[in-house]
Amino acid sequence: MADFDFGEGLRKVFLAGVGALATTVEKGQEIVDDLVKKGELTVEQGKALNTELKRKAEEVKEEHEAKADHAE
């Protein structure tokens, strides 16, 4: 039977999640930038949305880091 290191598996899942989150934030920023270019959002609204996206992503990342720390 193959050895399975639960901690290593959890770490890989966590890193995959962080990568997915980063990709989502980047795509969200692109969408906001496109809306600003089209005039559907003001520059100020776009900046506020981008800031909120980054803040929320950081919150989610920290929550998952805390959960991963407790799982070890």
Protein backbone atom coordinates (compact mmCIF):
# COMPACT_ATOMS: atom_id res chain seq x y z
CA MET A 1 0.00 0.00 0.00
CA ALA A 2 1.29 3.50 -0.81
CA ASP A 3 2.26 5.81 2.00
CA PHE A 4 0.18 8.95 2.21
CA ASP A 5 1.33 11.96 4.15
CA PHE A 6 -1.89 13.75 5.08
CA GLY A 7 -0.02 16.97 5.86
CA GLU A 8 1.65 17.02 2.46
CA GLY A 9 -1.64 16.31 0.73
CA LEU A 10 -3.33 19.10 2.65
CA ARG A 11 -0.49 21.47 1.78
CA LYS A 12 -0.89 20.70 -1.93
CA VAL A 13 -4.64 21.27 -1.77
CA PHE A 14 -4.06 24.55 0.08
CA LEU A 15 -1.53 25.75 -2.49
CA ALA A 16 -3.89 24.84 -5.32
CA GLY A 17 -6.60 26.87 -3.59
CA VAL A 18 -4.29 29.85 -3.21
CA GLY A 19 -3.44 29.63 -6.90
CA ALA A 20 -7.10 29.48 -7.84
CA LEU A 21 -7.84 32.45 -5.61
CA ALA A 22 -5.03 34.49 -7.17
CA THR A 23 -6.33 33.68 -10.65
CA THR A 24 -9.85 34.69 -9.64
CA VAL A 25 -8.64 38.01 -8.24
CA GLU A 26 -6.66 38.74 -11.41
CA LYS A 27 -9.66 37.97 -13.60
CA GLY A 28 -11.90 40.10 -11.39
CA GLN A 29 -9.50 43.01 -11.74
CA GLU A 30 -9.50 42.58 -15.53
CA ILE A 31 -13.30 42.67 -15.59
CA VAL A 32 -13.40 45.80 -13.44
CA ASP A 33 -10.78 47.47 -15.65
CA ASP A 34 -12.84 46.62 -18.75
CA LEU A 35 -15.97 48.11 -17.17
CA VAL A 36 -14.04 51.30 -16.42
CA LYS A 37 -12.79 51.47 -20.02
CA LYS A 38 -16.34 51.02 -21.32
CA GLY A 39 -17.55 53.80 -19.04
CA GLU A 40 -19.84 51.51 -17.06
CA LEU A 41 -17.86 52.28 -13.90
CA THR A 42 -16.01 55.41 -12.92
CA VAL A 43 -12.30 55.18 -12.23
CA GLU A 44 -13.06 55.75 -8.55
CA GLN A 45 -15.60 52.90 -8.50
CA GLY A 46 -13.11 50.65 -10.28
CA LYS A 47 -10.40 51.42 -7.74
CA ALA A 48 -12.81 50.76 -4.88
CA LEU A 49 -13.89 47.42 -6.37
CA ASN A 50 -10.30 46.34 -6.99
CA THR A 51 -9.39 47.25 -3.41
CA GLU A 52 -12.38 45.29 -2.10
CA LEU A 53 -11.46 42.27 -4.26
CA LYS A 54 -7.92 42.27 -2.87
CA ARG A 55 -9.14 42.70 0.71
CA LYS A 56 -11.66 39.89 0.41
CA ALA A 57 -9.10 37.59 -1.22
CA GLU A 58 -6.66 38.26 1.62
CA GLU A 59 -9.39 37.47 4.17
CA VAL A 60 -10.20 34.17 2.48
CA LYS A 61 -6.51 33.26 2.23
CA GLU A 62 -5.95 33.99 5.92
CA GLU A 63 -9.02 31.94 6.91
CA HIS A 64 -7.76 28.97 4.92
CA GLU A 65 -4.25 29.32 6.33
CA ALA A 66 -5.70 29.26 9.84
CA LYS A 67 -7.74 26.15 9.03
CA ALA A 68 -4.69 24.45 7.53
CA ASP A 69 -2.63 25.28 10.64
CA HIS A 70 -5.29 23.71 12.86
CA ALA A 71 -5.43 20.59 10.69
CA GLU A 72 -1.74 19.80 11.15
